[in-house]
PDB file of all heavy atoms in Angstrom:
ATOM      1  N   LYS A   1      12.411 -32.583   0.182  1.00  0.00           N
ATOM      2  CA  LYS A   1      12.504 -33.791   0.982  1.00  0.00           C
ATOM      3  C   LYS A   1      13.543 -33.622   2.100  1.00  0.00           C
ATOM      4  O   LYS A   1      14.563 -32.953   1.941  1.00  0.00           O
ATOM      5  CB  LYS A   1      12.923 -34.973   0.110  1.00  0.00           C
ATOM      6  CG  LYS A   1      11.937 -35.299  -1.012  1.00  0.00           C
ATOM      7  CD  LYS A   1      10.586 -35.752  -0.461  1.00  0.00           C
ATOM      8  CE  LYS A   1       9.659 -36.174  -1.585  1.00  0.00           C
ATOM      9  NZ  LYS A   1       8.329 -36.592  -1.078  1.00  0.00           N
ATOM     10  N   ILE A   2      13.219 -34.240   3.216  1.00  0.00           N
ATOM     11  CA  ILE A   2      14.132 -34.168   4.366  1.00  0.00           C
ATOM     12  C   ILE A   2      15.500 -34.711   4.016  1.00  0.00           C
ATOM     13  O   ILE A   2      16.525 -34.156   4.426  1.00  0.00           O
ATOM     14  CB  ILE A   2      13.524 -34.960   5.560  1.00  0.00           C
ATOM     15  CG1 ILE A   2      12.342 -34.179   6.167  1.00  0.00           C
ATOM     16  CG2 ILE A   2      14.592 -35.243   6.616  1.00  0.00           C
ATOM     17  CD1 ILE A   2      11.646 -34.884   7.282  1.00  0.00           C
ATOM     18  N   LYS A   3      15.571 -35.790   3.258  1.00  0.00           N
ATOM     19  CA  LYS A   3      16.845 -36.416   2.926  1.00  0.00           C
ATOM     20  C   LYS A   3      17.763 -35.471   2.133  1.00  0.00           C
ATOM     21  O   LYS A   3      18.997 -35.623   2.172  1.00  0.00           O
ATOM     22  CB  LYS A   3      16.618 -37.696   2.133  1.00  0.00           C
ATOM     23  CG  LYS A   3      15.950 -37.519   0.767  1.00  0.00           C
ATOM     24  CD  LYS A   3      15.722 -38.853   0.105  1.00  0.00           C
ATOM     25  CE  LYS A   3      14.998 -38.714  -1.249  1.00  0.00           C
ATOM     26  NZ  LYS A   3      14.733 -40.029  -1.874  1.00  0.00           N
ATOM     27  N   ASP A   4      17.178 -34.505   1.452  1.00  0.00           N
ATOM     28  CA  ASP A   4      17.967 -33.537   0.669  1.00  0.00           C
ATOM     29  C   ASP A   4      18.464 -32.376   1.521  1.00  0.00           C
ATOM     30  O   ASP A   4      19.302 -31.578   1.090  1.00  0.00           O
ATOM     31  CB  ASP A   4      17.158 -33.013  -0.510  1.00  0.00           C
ATOM     32  CG  ASP A   4      16.812 -34.112  -1.494  1.00  0.00           C
ATOM     33  OD1 ASP A   4      17.650 -34.995  -1.707  1.00  0.00           O
ATOM     34  OD2 ASP A   4      15.682 -34.087  -2.046  1.00  0.00           O
ATOM     35  N   ALA A   5      17.895 -32.236   2.709  1.00  0.00           N
ATOM     36  CA  ALA A   5      18.276 -31.121   3.589  1.00  0.00           C
ATOM     37  C   ALA A   5      19.230 -31.555   4.700  1.00  0.00           C
ATOM     38  O   ALA A   5      19.858 -30.708   5.349  1.00  0.00           O
ATOM     39  CB  ALA A   5      17.014 -30.507   4.228  1.00  0.00           C
ATOM     40  N   MET A   6      19.350 -32.855   4.898  1.00  0.00           N
ATOM     41  CA  MET A   6      20.233 -33.375   5.952  1.00  0.00           C
ATOM     42  C   MET A   6      21.686 -33.229   5.537  1.00  0.00           C
ATOM     43  O   MET A   6      22.027 -33.309   4.371  1.00  0.00           O
ATOM     44  CB  MET A   6      19.937 -34.850   6.213  1.00  0.00           C
ATOM     45  CG  MET A   6      18.594 -35.121   6.831  1.00  0.00           C
ATOM     46  SD  MET A   6      18.154 -36.875   6.742  1.00  0.00           S
ATOM     47  CE  MET A   6      19.650 -37.646   7.349  1.00  0.00           C
ATOM     48  N   GLU A   7      22.552 -33.011   6.526  1.00  0.00           N
ATOM     49  CA  GLU A   7      23.985 -32.970   6.275  1.00  0.00           C
ATOM     50  C   GLU A   7      24.522 -34.393   6.140  1.00  0.00           C
ATOM     51  O   GLU A   7      24.185 -35.260   6.950  1.00  0.00           O
ATOM     52  CB  GLU A   7      24.733 -32.240   7.408  1.00  0.00           C
ATOM     53  CG  GLU A   7      24.454 -30.753   7.418  1.00  0.00           C
ATOM     54  CD  GLU A   7      25.351 -30.052   8.403  1.00  0.00           C
ATOM     55  OE1 GLU A   7      26.294 -30.687   8.916  1.00  0.00           O
ATOM     56  OE2 GLU A   7      25.111 -28.856   8.681  1.00  0.00           O
ATOM     57  N   GLY A   8      25.373 -34.638   5.170  1.00  0.00           N
ATOM     58  CA  GLY A   8      25.941 -35.961   4.995  1.00  0.00           C
ATOM     59  C   GLY A   8      27.128 -36.197   5.930  1.00  0.00           C
ATOM     60  O   GLY A   8      27.783 -35.284   6.376  1.00  0.00           O
ATOM     61  N   ASP A   9      27.381 -37.468   6.219  1.00  0.00           N
ATOM     62  CA  ASP A   9      28.523 -37.883   7.046  1.00  0.00           C
ATOM     63  C   ASP A   9      28.575 -37.120   8.358  1.00  0.00           C
ATOM     64  O   ASP A   9      29.596 -36.534   8.746  1.00  0.00           O
ATOM     65  CB  ASP A   9      29.843 -37.678   6.295  1.00  0.00           C
ATOM     66  CG  ASP A   9      29.903 -38.507   5.015  1.00  0.00           C
ATOM     67  OD1 ASP A   9      29.395 -39.634   5.020  1.00  0.00           O
ATOM     68  OD2 ASP A   9      30.471 -38.018   4.018  1.00  0.00           O
ATOM     69  N   ALA A  10      27.455 -37.068   9.057  1.00  0.00           N
ATOM     70  CA  ALA A  10      27.394 -36.348  10.337  1.00  0.00           C
ATOM     71  C   ALA A  10      28.268 -37.026  11.383  1.00  0.00           C
ATOM     72  O   ALA A  10      28.421 -38.245  11.405  1.00  0.00           O
ATOM     73  CB  ALA A  10      25.939 -36.291  10.809  1.00  0.00           C
ATOM     74  N   GLU A  11      28.847 -36.212  12.261  1.00  0.00           N
ATOM     75  CA  GLU A  11      29.690 -36.725  13.332  1.00  0.00           C
ATOM     76  C   GLU A  11      28.808 -37.421  14.391  1.00  0.00           C
ATOM     77  O   GLU A  11      27.610 -37.133  14.530  1.00  0.00           O
ATOM     78  CB  GLU A  11      30.475 -35.587  13.980  1.00  0.00           C
ATOM     79  CG  GLU A  11      31.476 -34.930  13.059  1.00  0.00           C
ATOM     80  CD  GLU A  11      32.655 -35.827  12.764  1.00  0.00           C
ATOM     81  OE1 GLU A  11      32.937 -36.721  13.562  1.00  0.00           O
ATOM     82  OE2 GLU A  11      33.277 -35.615  11.716  1.00  0.00           O
ATOM     83  N   THR A  12      29.409 -38.341  15.132  1.00  0.00           N
ATOM     84  CA  THR A  12      28.721 -39.050  16.197  1.00  0.00           C
ATOM     85  C   THR A  12      29.624 -39.102  17.417  1.00  0.00           C
ATOM     86  O   THR A  12      30.817 -38.804  17.339  1.00  0.00           O
ATOM     87  CB  THR A  12      28.345 -40.500  15.790  1.00  0.00           C
ATOM     88  OG1 THR A  12      29.561 -41.234  15.530  1.00  0.00           O
ATOM     89  CG2 THR A  12      27.489 -40.484  14.521  1.00  0.00           C
ATOM     90  N   VAL A  13      29.053 -39.480  18.560  1.00  0.00           N
ATOM     91  CA  VAL A  13      29.825 -39.684  19.786  1.00  0.00           C
ATOM     92  C   VAL A  13      29.496 -41.078  20.322  1.00  0.00           C
ATOM     93  O   VAL A  13      28.431 -41.621  20.064  1.00  0.00           O
ATOM     94  CB  VAL A  13      29.527 -38.621  20.854  1.00  0.00           C
ATOM     95  CG1 VAL A  13      30.020 -37.250  20.400  1.00  0.00           C
ATOM     96  CG2 VAL A  13      28.034 -38.534  21.155  1.00  0.00           C
ATOM     97  N   ALA A  14      30.449 -41.610  21.105  1.00  0.00           N
ATOM     98  CA  ALA A  14      30.261 -42.935  21.710  1.00  0.00           C
ATOM     99  C   ALA A  14      29.715 -42.790  23.114  1.00  0.00           C
ATOM    100  O   ALA A  14      29.950 -41.779  23.793  1.00  0.00           O
ATOM    101  CB  ALA A  14      31.604 -43.670  21.745  1.00  0.00           C
ATOM    102  N   PRO A  15      28.968 -43.794  23.605  1.00  0.00           N
ATOM    103  CA  PRO A  15      28.379 -43.720  24.931  1.00  0.00           C
ATOM    104  C   PRO A  15      29.391 -43.553  26.078  1.00  0.00           C
ATOM    105  O   PRO A  15      29.083 -42.935  27.103  1.00  0.00           O
ATOM    106  CB  PRO A  15      27.633 -45.043  25.065  1.00  0.00           C
ATOM    107  CG  PRO A  15      27.381 -45.497  23.673  1.00  0.00           C
ATOM    108  CD  PRO A  15      28.552 -45.032  22.887  1.00  0.00           C
ATOM    109  N   ASP A  16      30.609 -44.113  25.893  1.00  0.00           N
ATOM    110  CA  ASP A  16      31.588 -44.042  26.975  1.00  0.00           C
ATOM    111  C   ASP A  16      32.481 -42.810  26.905  1.00  0.00           C
ATOM    112  O   ASP A  16      33.395 -42.639  27.723  1.00  0.00           O
ATOM    113  CB  ASP A  16      32.461 -45.299  26.972  1.00  0.00           C
ATOM    114  CG  ASP A  16      33.179 -45.506  25.637  1.00  0.00           C
ATOM    115  OD1 ASP A  16      32.887 -44.761  24.691  1.00  0.00           O
ATOM    116  OD2 ASP A  16      34.037 -46.425  25.566  1.00  0.00           O
ATOM    117  N   MET A  17      32.210 -41.913  25.985  1.00  0.00           N
ATOM    118  CA  MET A  17      32.957 -40.664  25.875  1.00  0.00           C
ATOM    119  C   MET A  17      32.559 -39.746  27.047  1.00  0.00           C
ATOM    120  O   MET A  17      31.407 -39.716  27.448  1.00  0.00           O
ATOM    121  CB  MET A  17      32.621 -39.972  24.539  1.00  0.00           C
ATOM    122  CG  MET A  17      33.386 -38.733  24.248  1.00  0.00           C
ATOM    123  SD  MET A  17      32.859 -38.041  22.627  1.00  0.00           S
ATOM    124  CE  MET A  17      34.115 -36.819  22.347  1.00  0.00           C
ATOM    125  N   THR A  18      33.535 -39.027  27.631  1.00  0.00           N
ATOM    126  CA  THR A  18      33.183 -38.146  28.735  1.00  0.00           C
ATOM    127  C   THR A  18      32.237 -37.060  28.244  1.00  0.00           C
ATOM    128  O   THR A  18      32.361 -36.583  27.110  1.00  0.00           O
ATOM    129  CB  THR A  18      34.430 -37.496  29.386  1.00  0.00           C
ATOM    130  OG1 THR A  18      35.010 -36.600  28.452  1.00  0.00           O
ATOM    131  CG2 THR A  18      35.425 -38.544  29.810  1.00  0.00           C
ATOM    132  N   LEU A  19      31.360 -36.655  29.103  1.00  0.00           N
ATOM    133  CA  LEU A  19      30.377 -35.648  28.738  1.00  0.00           C
ATOM    134  C   LEU A  19      31.073 -34.318  28.420  1.00  0.00           C
ATOM    135  O   LEU A  19      30.610 -33.554  27.564  1.00  0.00           O
ATOM    136  CB  LEU A  19      29.377 -35.462  29.896  1.00  0.00           C
ATOM    137  CG  LEU A  19      27.997 -34.902  29.560  1.00  0.00           C
ATOM    138  CD1 LEU A  19      27.355 -35.664  28.421  1.00  0.00           C
ATOM    139  CD2 LEU A  19      27.110 -34.957  30.804  1.00  0.00           C
ATOM    140  N   PHE A  20      32.181 -34.043  29.082  1.00  0.00           N
ATOM    141  CA  PHE A  20      32.907 -32.806  28.839  1.00  0.00           C
ATOM    142  C   PHE A  20      33.542 -32.795  27.443  1.00  0.00           C
ATOM    143  O   PHE A  20      33.516 -31.761  26.751  1.00  0.00           O
ATOM    144  CB  PHE A  20      33.983 -32.591  29.900  1.00  0.00           C
ATOM    145  CG  PHE A  20      34.683 -31.267  29.792  1.00  0.00           C
ATOM    146  CD1 PHE A  20      33.978 -30.075  29.754  1.00  0.00           C
ATOM    147  CD2 PHE A  20      36.074 -31.196  29.710  1.00  0.00           C
ATOM    148  CE1 PHE A  20      34.614 -28.834  29.650  1.00  0.00           C
ATOM    149  CE2 PHE A  20      36.711 -29.982  29.616  1.00  0.00           C
ATOM    150  CZ  PHE A  20      35.986 -28.795  29.575  1.00  0.00           C
ATOM    151  N   ASP A  21      34.133 -33.923  27.027  1.00  0.00           N
ATOM    152  CA  ASP A  21      34.713 -34.007  25.685  1.00  0.00           C
ATOM    153  C   ASP A  21      33.632 -33.822  24.626  1.00  0.00           C
ATOM    154  O   ASP A  21      33.849 -33.141  23.590  1.00  0.00           O
ATOM    155  CB  ASP A  21      35.412 -35.347  25.485  1.00  0.00           C
ATOM    156  CG  ASP A  21      36.743 -35.411  26.203  1.00  0.00           C
ATOM    157  OD1 ASP A  21      37.285 -34.346  26.529  1.00  0.00           O
ATOM    158  OD2 ASP A  21      37.224 -36.539  26.477  1.00  0.00           O
ATOM    159  N   ALA A  22      32.487 -34.418  24.850  1.00  0.00           N
ATOM    160  CA  ALA A  22      31.359 -34.268  23.890  1.00  0.00           C
ATOM    161  C   ALA A  22      30.887 -32.811  23.863  1.00  0.00           C
ATOM    162  O   ALA A  22      30.631 -32.260  22.796  1.00  0.00           O
ATOM    163  CB  ALA A  22      30.204 -35.186  24.290  1.00  0.00           C
ATOM    164  N   TYR A  23      30.822 -32.200  25.023  1.00  0.00           N
ATOM    165  CA  TYR A  23      30.408 -30.804  25.134  1.00  0.00           C
ATOM    166  C   TYR A  23      31.365 -29.879  24.384  1.00  0.00           C
ATOM    167  O   TYR A  23      30.917 -28.991  23.632  1.00  0.00           O
ATOM    168  CB  TYR A  23      30.333 -30.395  26.609  1.00  0.00           C
ATOM    169  CG  TYR A  23      30.146 -28.924  26.835  1.00  0.00           C
ATOM    170  CD1 TYR A  23      28.926 -28.296  26.592  1.00  0.00           C
ATOM    171  CD2 TYR A  23      31.186 -28.127  27.290  1.00  0.00           C
ATOM    172  CE1 TYR A  23      28.755 -26.939  26.817  1.00  0.00           C
ATOM    173  CE2 TYR A  23      31.046 -26.771  27.498  1.00  0.00           C
ATOM    174  CZ  TYR A  23      29.817 -26.188  27.255  1.00  0.00           C
ATOM    175  OH  TYR A  23      29.664 -24.834  27.476  1.00  0.00           O
ATOM    176  N   LYS A  24      32.664 -30.097  24.549  1.00  0.00           N
ATOM    177  CA  LYS A  24      33.652 -29.264  23.861  1.00  0.00           C
ATOM    178  C   LYS A  24      33.541 -29.401  22.340  1.00  0.00           C
ATOM    179  O   LYS A  24      33.631 -28.400  21.624  1.00  0.00           O
ATOM    180  CB  LYS A  24      35.059 -29.627  24.320  1.00  0.00           C
ATOM    181  CG  LYS A  24      35.408 -29.184  25.719  1.00  0.00           C
ATOM    182  CD  LYS A  24      36.890 -29.360  26.032  1.00  0.00           C
ATOM    183  CE  LYS A  24      37.301 -30.820  26.032  1.00  0.00           C
ATOM    184  NZ  LYS A  24      38.730 -31.000  26.398  1.00  0.00           N
ATOM    185  N   ALA A  25      33.340 -30.630  21.874  1.00  0.00           N
ATOM    186  CA  ALA A  25      33.219 -30.871  20.441  1.00  0.00           C
ATOM    187  C   ALA A  25      31.970 -30.178  19.880  1.00  0.00           C
ATOM    188  O   ALA A  25      31.992 -29.572  18.797  1.00  0.00           O
ATOM    189  CB  ALA A  25      33.147 -32.368  20.155  1.00  0.00           C
ATOM    190  N   MET A  26      30.873 -30.226  20.638  1.00  0.00           N
ATOM    191  CA  MET A  26      29.633 -29.620  20.193  1.00  0.00           C
ATOM    192  C   MET A  26      29.730 -28.094  20.202  1.00  0.00           C
ATOM    193  O   MET A  26      29.239 -27.416  19.282  1.00  0.00           O
ATOM    194  CB  MET A  26      28.466 -30.087  21.045  1.00  0.00           C
ATOM    195  CG  MET A  26      28.185 -31.579  20.927  1.00  0.00           C
ATOM    196  SD  MET A  26      26.844 -32.181  21.994  1.00  0.00           S
ATOM    197  CE  MET A  26      25.397 -31.559  21.084  1.00  0.00           C
ATOM    198  N   GLN A  27      30.404 -27.548  21.209  1.00  0.00           N
ATOM    199  CA  GLN A  27      30.604 -26.114  21.275  1.00  0.00           C
ATOM    200  C   GLN A  27      31.484 -25.627  20.135  1.00  0.00           C
ATOM    201  O   GLN A  27      31.183 -24.624  19.466  1.00  0.00           O
ATOM    202  CB  GLN A  27      31.250 -25.727  22.616  1.00  0.00           C
ATOM    203  CG  GLN A  27      30.313 -25.741  23.779  1.00  0.00           C
ATOM    204  CD  GLN A  27      29.472 -24.473  23.860  1.00  0.00           C
ATOM    205  OE1 GLN A  27      28.497 -24.303  23.100  1.00  0.00           O
ATOM    206  NE2 GLN A  27      29.829 -23.561  24.730  1.00  0.00           N
ATOM    207  N   LYS A  28      32.569 -26.350  19.891  1.00  0.00           N
ATOM    208  CA  LYS A  28      33.536 -25.961  18.855  1.00  0.00           C
ATOM    209  C   LYS A  28      32.905 -25.967  17.479  1.00  0.00           C
ATOM    210  O   LYS A  28      33.126 -25.072  16.649  1.00  0.00           O
ATOM    211  CB  LYS A  28      34.732 -26.898  18.890  1.00  0.00           C
ATOM    212  CG  LYS A  28      35.785 -26.604  17.835  1.00  0.00           C
ATOM    213  CD  LYS A  28      36.934 -27.573  17.911  1.00  0.00           C
ATOM    214  CE  LYS A  28      37.982 -27.311  16.824  1.00  0.00           C
ATOM    215  NZ  LYS A  28      39.099 -28.280  16.891  1.00  0.00           N
ATOM    216  N   ASN A  29      32.099 -27.003  17.187  1.00  0.00           N
ATOM    217  CA  ASN A  29      31.503 -27.158  15.863  1.00  0.00           C
ATOM    218  C   ASN A  29      30.089 -26.589  15.748  1.00  0.00           C
ATOM    219  O   ASN A  29      29.467 -26.685  14.703  1.00  0.00           O
ATOM    220  CB  ASN A  29      31.479 -28.641  15.487  1.00  0.00           C
ATOM    221  CG  ASN A  29      32.887 -29.226  15.338  1.00  0.00           C
ATOM    222  OD1 ASN A  29      33.586 -28.953  14.383  1.00  0.00           O
ATOM    223  ND2 ASN A  29      33.321 -30.008  16.347  1.00  0.00           N
ATOM    224  N   LYS A  30      29.599 -26.033  16.878  1.00  0.00           N
ATOM    225  CA  LYS A  30      28.251 -25.415  16.920  1.00  0.00           C
ATOM    226  C   LYS A  30      27.168 -26.407  16.541  1.00  0.00           C
ATOM    227  O   LYS A  30      26.285 -26.129  15.715  1.00  0.00           O
ATOM    228  CB  LYS A  30      28.227 -24.183  15.991  1.00  0.00           C
ATOM    229  CG  LYS A  30      29.191 -23.085  16.430  1.00  0.00           C
ATOM    230  CD  LYS A  30      29.124 -21.881  15.522  1.00  0.00           C
ATOM    231  CE  LYS A  30      30.095 -20.798  16.003  1.00  0.00           C
ATOM    232  NZ  LYS A  30      30.060 -19.577  15.157  1.00  0.00           N
ATOM    233  N   TRP A  31      27.251 -27.613  17.161  1.00  0.00           N
ATOM    234  CA  TRP A  31      26.212 -28.622  16.974  1.00  0.00           C
ATOM    235  C   TRP A  31      25.186 -28.490  18.064  1.00  0.00           C
ATOM    236  O   TRP A  31      25.535 -28.548  19.255  1.00  0.00           O
ATOM    237  CB  TRP A  31      26.809 -30.029  17.001  1.00  0.00           C
ATOM    238  CG  TRP A  31      27.755 -30.328  15.885  1.00  0.00           C
ATOM    239  CD1 TRP A  31      27.710 -29.879  14.590  1.00  0.00           C
ATOM    240  CD2 TRP A  31      28.928 -31.165  15.969  1.00  0.00           C
ATOM    241  NE1 TRP A  31      28.752 -30.400  13.861  1.00  0.00           N
ATOM    242  CE2 TRP A  31      29.517 -31.179  14.678  1.00  0.00           C
ATOM    243  CE3 TRP A  31      29.506 -31.914  16.988  1.00  0.00           C
ATOM    244  CZ2 TRP A  31      30.671 -31.892  14.391  1.00  0.00           C
ATOM    245  CZ3 TRP A  31      30.664 -32.625  16.703  1.00  0.00           C
ATOM    246  CH2 TRP A  31      31.230 -32.619  15.421  1.00  0.00           C
ATOM    247  N   ASP A  32      23.910 -28.385  17.736  1.00  0.00           N
ATOM    248  CA  ASP A  32      22.844 -28.361  18.744  1.00  0.00           C
ATOM    249  C   ASP A  32      22.539 -29.763  19.254  1.00  0.00           C
ATOM    250  O   ASP A  32      22.115 -29.928  20.406  1.00  0.00           O
ATOM    251  CB  ASP A  32      21.570 -27.750  18.157  1.00  0.00           C
ATOM    252  CG  ASP A  32      21.737 -26.272  17.842  1.00  0.00           C
ATOM    253  OD1 ASP A  32      22.502 -25.608  18.569  1.00  0.00           O
ATOM    254  OD2 ASP A  32      21.151 -25.786  16.876  1.00  0.00           O
ATOM    255  N   MET A  33      22.759 -30.747  18.410  1.00  0.00           N
ATOM    256  CA  MET A  33      22.508 -32.148  18.778  1.00  0.00           C
ATOM    257  C   MET A  33      23.424 -33.054  17.991  1.00  0.00           C
ATOM    258  O   MET A  33      23.938 -32.665  16.927  1.00  0.00           O
ATOM    259  CB  MET A  33      21.042 -32.521  18.536  1.00  0.00           C
ATOM    260  CG  MET A  33      20.587 -32.327  17.092  1.00  0.00           C
ATOM    261  SD  MET A  33      18.803 -32.477  16.854  1.00  0.00           S
ATOM    262  CE  MET A  33      18.533 -34.191  17.273  1.00  0.00           C
ATOM    263  N   ILE A  34      23.660 -34.242  18.519  1.00  0.00           N
ATOM    264  CA  ILE A  34      24.553 -35.180  17.847  1.00  0.00           C
ATOM    265  C   ILE A  34      24.087 -36.583  18.142  1.00  0.00           C
ATOM    266  O   ILE A  34      23.519 -36.856  19.237  1.00  0.00           O
ATOM    267  CB  ILE A  34      26.020 -34.972  18.310  1.00  0.00           C
ATOM    268  CG1 ILE A  34      26.983 -35.743  17.405  1.00  0.00           C
ATOM    269  CG2 ILE A  34      26.191 -35.346  19.767  1.00  0.00           C
ATOM    270  CD1 ILE A  34      28.433 -35.351  17.636  1.00  0.00           C
ATOM    271  N   ALA A  35      24.287 -37.510  17.219  1.00  0.00           N
ATOM    272  CA  ALA A  35      23.843 -38.895  17.415  1.00  0.00           C
ATOM    273  C   ALA A  35      24.834 -39.653  18.281  1.00  0.00           C
ATOM    274  O   ALA A  35      26.048 -39.438  18.217  1.00  0.00           O
ATOM    275  CB  ALA A  35      23.719 -39.580  16.049  1.00  0.00           C
ATOM    276  N   VAL A  36      24.314 -40.531  19.127  1.00  0.00           N
ATOM    277  CA  VAL A  36      25.114 -41.414  19.962  1.00  0.00           C
ATOM    278  C   VAL A  36      25.101 -42.809  19.329  1.00  0.00           C
ATOM    279  O   VAL A  36      24.044 -43.419  19.177  1.00  0.00           O
ATOM    280  CB  VAL A  36      24.571 -41.469  21.394  1.00  0.00           C
ATOM    281  CG1 VAL A  36      25.440 -42.372  22.256  1.00  0.00           C
ATOM    282  CG2 VAL A  36      24.498 -40.067  22.003  1.00  0.00           C
ATOM    283  N   MET A  37      26.282 -43.292  18.939  1.00  0.00           N
ATOM    284  CA  MET A  37      26.412 -44.570  18.252  1.00  0.00           C
ATOM    285  C   MET A  37      27.318 -45.507  19.043  1.00  0.00           C
ATOM    286  O   MET A  37      28.333 -45.093  19.591  1.00  0.00           O
ATOM    287  CB  MET A  37      26.966 -44.380  16.853  1.00  0.00           C
ATOM    288  CG  MET A  37      26.182 -43.417  15.966  1.00  0.00           C
ATOM    289  SD  MET A  37      24.581 -44.066  15.446  1.00  0.00           S
ATOM    290  CE  MET A  37      25.090 -45.291  14.216  1.00  0.00           C
TER     291      MET A  37
END
């Protein structure tokens, strides 16, 4: 099941966060995608 393969407590970013800060976080943690909340 998909629910068993998902990572728990995934990180998110806010809409007003600078794109560069989000980029650095994604590069550092090797995230291909992240949810915007």
